[in-house]
């Protein structure tokens, strides 16, 4: 995530959004078990569709969870 997207410092937020608009493609990365309920992801997808159209992708990952750690089991529905 770019620093400043949810920052309380307005200047940092504006700088980050200005930089983001210059990008050709937007990638959003989220943990797979939270992507459906993550309001931040939904908000950024909506904003990205306005600024980047179809040039965005949502990457759902589980790779940042260490095997053997509590809650590391993935249950597939």
N, C-alpha and C. Protein backbone atom coordinates (compact mmCIF):
# COMPACT_ATOMS: atom_id res chain seq x y z
N UNK A 1 0.85 -1.17 0.00
CA UNK A 1 0.00 0.00 0.00
C UNK A 1 0.90 1.23 0.00
N UNK A 2 0.49 2.19 -0.73
CA UNK A 2 1.20 3.46 -0.72
C UNK A 2 0.97 4.15 0.62
N UNK A 3 2.01 4.71 1.16
CA UNK A 3 1.87 5.45 2.41
C UNK A 3 1.01 6.67 2.15
N UNK A 4 0.14 6.98 3.08
CA UNK A 4 -0.65 8.19 2.97
C UNK A 4 -2.07 8.00 2.52
N UNK A 5 -2.46 6.82 2.06
CA UNK A 5 -3.83 6.64 1.59
C UNK A 5 -4.86 6.79 2.69
N UNK A 6 -4.52 6.39 3.88
CA UNK A 6 -5.47 6.55 5.00
C UNK A 6 -4.83 7.35 6.12
N UNK A 7 -3.94 8.24 5.75
CA UNK A 7 -3.19 9.05 6.70
C UNK A 7 -4.04 10.22 7.19
N UNK A 8 -3.83 10.64 8.42
CA UNK A 8 -4.53 11.81 8.94
C UNK A 8 -3.91 13.11 8.45
N UNK A 9 -2.68 13.02 7.91
CA UNK A 9 -2.00 14.18 7.35
C UNK A 9 -2.52 14.41 5.93
N UNK A 10 -3.29 15.46 5.74
CA UNK A 10 -3.94 15.75 4.45
C UNK A 10 -2.94 15.95 3.32
N UNK A 11 -1.81 16.57 3.60
CA UNK A 11 -0.79 16.80 2.56
C UNK A 11 -0.24 15.47 2.06
N UNK A 12 0.03 14.54 2.97
CA UNK A 12 0.52 13.21 2.57
C UNK A 12 -0.51 12.47 1.74
N UNK A 13 -1.78 12.56 2.15
CA UNK A 13 -2.85 11.90 1.41
C UNK A 13 -2.98 12.46 0.00
N UNK A 14 -2.95 13.78 -0.15
CA UNK A 14 -3.06 14.40 -1.46
C UNK A 14 -1.86 14.04 -2.35
N UNK A 15 -0.66 14.04 -1.76
CA UNK A 15 0.55 13.68 -2.51
C UNK A 15 0.47 12.24 -3.01
N UNK A 16 0.01 11.34 -2.15
CA UNK A 16 -0.11 9.94 -2.53
C UNK A 16 -1.13 9.76 -3.65
N UNK A 17 -2.28 10.41 -3.54
CA UNK A 17 -3.31 10.29 -4.57
C UNK A 17 -2.84 10.88 -5.90
N UNK A 18 -2.10 11.97 -5.85
CA UNK A 18 -1.56 12.57 -7.07
C UNK A 18 -0.58 11.60 -7.74
N UNK A 19 0.29 10.99 -6.96
CA UNK A 19 1.24 10.01 -7.47
C UNK A 19 0.50 8.81 -8.06
N UNK A 20 -0.53 8.35 -7.37
CA UNK A 20 -1.30 7.18 -7.81
C UNK A 20 -1.98 7.44 -9.16
N UNK A 21 -2.47 8.65 -9.38
CA UNK A 21 -3.14 8.98 -10.64
C UNK A 21 -2.18 8.92 -11.83
N UNK A 22 -0.88 9.05 -11.58
CA UNK A 22 0.12 8.99 -12.65
C UNK A 22 0.44 7.56 -13.06
N UNK A 23 0.02 6.59 -12.26
CA UNK A 23 0.32 5.18 -12.54
C UNK A 23 -0.55 4.67 -13.69
N UNK A 24 -0.01 3.77 -14.48
CA UNK A 24 -0.75 3.18 -15.60
C UNK A 24 -1.67 2.06 -15.14
N UNK A 25 -1.31 1.39 -14.06
CA UNK A 25 -2.06 0.24 -13.58
C UNK A 25 -2.12 0.28 -12.06
N UNK A 26 -3.24 -0.16 -11.51
CA UNK A 26 -3.43 -0.14 -10.06
C UNK A 26 -3.63 -1.57 -9.56
N UNK A 27 -2.80 -2.00 -8.62
CA UNK A 27 -2.93 -3.30 -7.99
C UNK A 27 -3.35 -3.10 -6.54
N UNK A 28 -4.37 -3.81 -6.12
CA UNK A 28 -4.78 -3.83 -4.72
C UNK A 28 -4.50 -5.22 -4.19
N UNK A 29 -3.84 -5.31 -3.05
CA UNK A 29 -3.49 -6.60 -2.47
C UNK A 29 -4.16 -6.71 -1.10
N UNK A 30 -4.83 -7.84 -0.87
CA UNK A 30 -5.53 -8.04 0.39
C UNK A 30 -5.45 -9.50 0.81
N UNK A 31 -5.57 -9.73 2.12
CA UNK A 31 -5.64 -11.11 2.60
C UNK A 31 -6.95 -11.72 2.10
N UNK A 32 -6.88 -12.93 1.62
CA UNK A 32 -8.03 -13.56 0.99
C UNK A 32 -9.22 -13.71 1.94
N UNK A 33 -8.97 -13.96 3.22
CA UNK A 33 -10.09 -14.17 4.13
C UNK A 33 -10.78 -12.87 4.54
N UNK A 34 -10.22 -11.72 4.19
CA UNK A 34 -10.83 -10.44 4.57
C UNK A 34 -11.33 -9.62 3.39
N UNK A 35 -11.08 -10.07 2.19
CA UNK A 35 -11.35 -9.23 1.02
C UNK A 35 -12.84 -8.93 0.84
N UNK A 36 -13.71 -9.83 1.21
CA UNK A 36 -15.14 -9.62 1.02
C UNK A 36 -15.68 -8.55 1.96
N UNK A 37 -15.15 -8.48 3.17
CA UNK A 37 -15.67 -7.55 4.17
C UNK A 37 -14.80 -6.32 4.37
N UNK A 38 -13.70 -6.20 3.65
CA UNK A 38 -12.78 -5.08 3.84
C UNK A 38 -13.30 -3.83 3.12
N UNK A 39 -13.80 -2.87 3.88
CA UNK A 39 -14.37 -1.65 3.30
C UNK A 39 -13.31 -0.83 2.56
N UNK A 40 -12.08 -0.85 3.03
CA UNK A 40 -11.00 -0.11 2.38
C UNK A 40 -10.78 -0.63 0.95
N UNK A 41 -10.79 -1.96 0.79
CA UNK A 41 -10.60 -2.55 -0.54
C UNK A 41 -11.72 -2.14 -1.47
N UNK A 42 -12.96 -2.21 -0.99
CA UNK A 42 -14.11 -1.84 -1.81
C UNK A 42 -14.05 -0.36 -2.21
N UNK A 43 -13.66 0.48 -1.28
CA UNK A 43 -13.55 1.92 -1.56
C UNK A 43 -12.48 2.18 -2.61
N UNK A 44 -11.33 1.53 -2.47
CA UNK A 44 -10.23 1.74 -3.42
C UNK A 44 -10.55 1.17 -4.80
N UNK A 45 -11.29 0.06 -4.87
CA UNK A 45 -11.72 -0.48 -6.16
C UNK A 45 -12.66 0.50 -6.86
N UNK A 46 -13.55 1.09 -6.08
CA UNK A 46 -14.49 2.06 -6.65
C UNK A 46 -13.75 3.30 -7.16
N UNK A 47 -12.83 3.82 -6.34
CA UNK A 47 -12.04 4.97 -6.76
C UNK A 47 -11.16 4.63 -7.96
N UNK A 48 -10.59 3.44 -7.95
CA UNK A 48 -9.72 3.00 -9.04
C UNK A 48 -10.44 2.86 -10.36
N UNK A 49 -11.71 2.47 -10.30
CA UNK A 49 -12.47 2.34 -11.55
C UNK A 49 -12.69 3.71 -12.18
N UNK A 50 -12.74 4.75 -11.38
CA UNK A 50 -12.89 6.11 -11.91
C UNK A 50 -11.58 6.64 -12.49
N UNK A 51 -10.48 6.34 -11.82
CA UNK A 51 -9.19 6.89 -12.25
C UNK A 51 -8.44 6.00 -13.23
N UNK A 52 -8.62 4.69 -13.14
CA UNK A 52 -7.85 3.76 -13.97
C UNK A 52 -8.72 2.87 -14.87
N UNK A 53 -10.03 3.01 -14.79
CA UNK A 53 -10.92 2.20 -15.62
C UNK A 53 -10.69 0.72 -15.40
N UNK A 54 -10.43 0.00 -16.48
CA UNK A 54 -10.18 -1.44 -16.39
C UNK A 54 -8.75 -1.79 -16.06
N UNK A 55 -7.91 -0.80 -15.87
CA UNK A 55 -6.49 -1.04 -15.59
C UNK A 55 -6.23 -1.19 -14.10
N UNK A 56 -6.93 -2.13 -13.48
CA UNK A 56 -6.69 -2.42 -12.07
C UNK A 56 -6.91 -3.90 -11.82
N UNK A 57 -6.28 -4.39 -10.78
CA UNK A 57 -6.41 -5.81 -10.43
C UNK A 57 -6.44 -5.95 -8.91
N UNK A 58 -7.22 -6.89 -8.45
CA UNK A 58 -7.28 -7.23 -7.03
C UNK A 58 -6.55 -8.54 -6.84
N UNK A 59 -5.52 -8.52 -6.02
CA UNK A 59 -4.72 -9.71 -5.74
C UNK A 59 -5.08 -10.19 -4.34
N UNK A 60 -5.62 -11.40 -4.25
CA UNK A 60 -5.96 -12.00 -2.95
C UNK A 60 -4.87 -12.98 -2.59
N UNK A 61 -4.32 -12.84 -1.41
CA UNK A 61 -3.18 -13.66 -1.03
C UNK A 61 -3.36 -14.27 0.35
N UNK A 62 -2.63 -15.33 0.56
CA UNK A 62 -2.55 -15.98 1.86
C UNK A 62 -1.08 -16.26 2.17
N UNK A 63 -0.21 -15.69 1.35
CA UNK A 63 1.21 -16.00 1.44
C UNK A 63 1.92 -15.36 2.63
N UNK A 64 1.30 -14.35 3.23
CA UNK A 64 1.96 -13.67 4.34
C UNK A 64 1.69 -14.33 5.69
N UNK A 65 0.94 -15.42 5.71
CA UNK A 65 0.65 -16.14 6.96
C UNK A 65 1.66 -17.27 7.11
N UNK A 66 2.34 -17.29 8.25
CA UNK A 66 3.33 -18.33 8.49
C UNK A 66 2.63 -19.63 8.86
N UNK A 67 3.01 -20.71 8.20
CA UNK A 67 2.44 -22.01 8.52
C UNK A 67 2.81 -22.39 9.95
N UNK A 68 1.87 -22.97 10.66
CA UNK A 68 2.09 -23.37 12.04
C UNK A 68 1.72 -22.29 13.04
N UNK A 69 1.46 -21.07 12.59
CA UNK A 69 1.06 -20.03 13.51
C UNK A 69 -0.44 -20.15 13.80
N UNK A 70 -0.89 -19.65 14.94
CA UNK A 70 -2.32 -19.73 15.28
C UNK A 70 -3.18 -19.08 14.20
N UNK A 71 -4.22 -19.76 13.78
CA UNK A 71 -5.12 -19.23 12.76
C UNK A 71 -4.61 -19.39 11.34
N UNK A 72 -3.56 -20.19 11.14
CA UNK A 72 -2.98 -20.33 9.81
C UNK A 72 -3.75 -21.31 8.93
N UNK A 73 -4.70 -22.01 9.51
CA UNK A 73 -5.47 -22.97 8.70
C UNK A 73 -6.42 -22.22 7.79
N UNK A 74 -6.47 -22.61 6.55
CA UNK A 74 -7.37 -21.99 5.59
C UNK A 74 -8.49 -22.96 5.31
N UNK A 75 -9.70 -22.53 5.58
CA UNK A 75 -10.85 -23.40 5.29
C UNK A 75 -11.51 -22.90 4.01
N UNK A 76 -11.63 -23.76 3.05
CA UNK A 76 -12.25 -23.42 1.78
C UNK A 76 -13.72 -23.79 1.83
N UNK A 77 -14.57 -22.87 1.36
CA UNK A 77 -16.00 -23.13 1.34
C UNK A 77 -16.42 -23.75 0.04
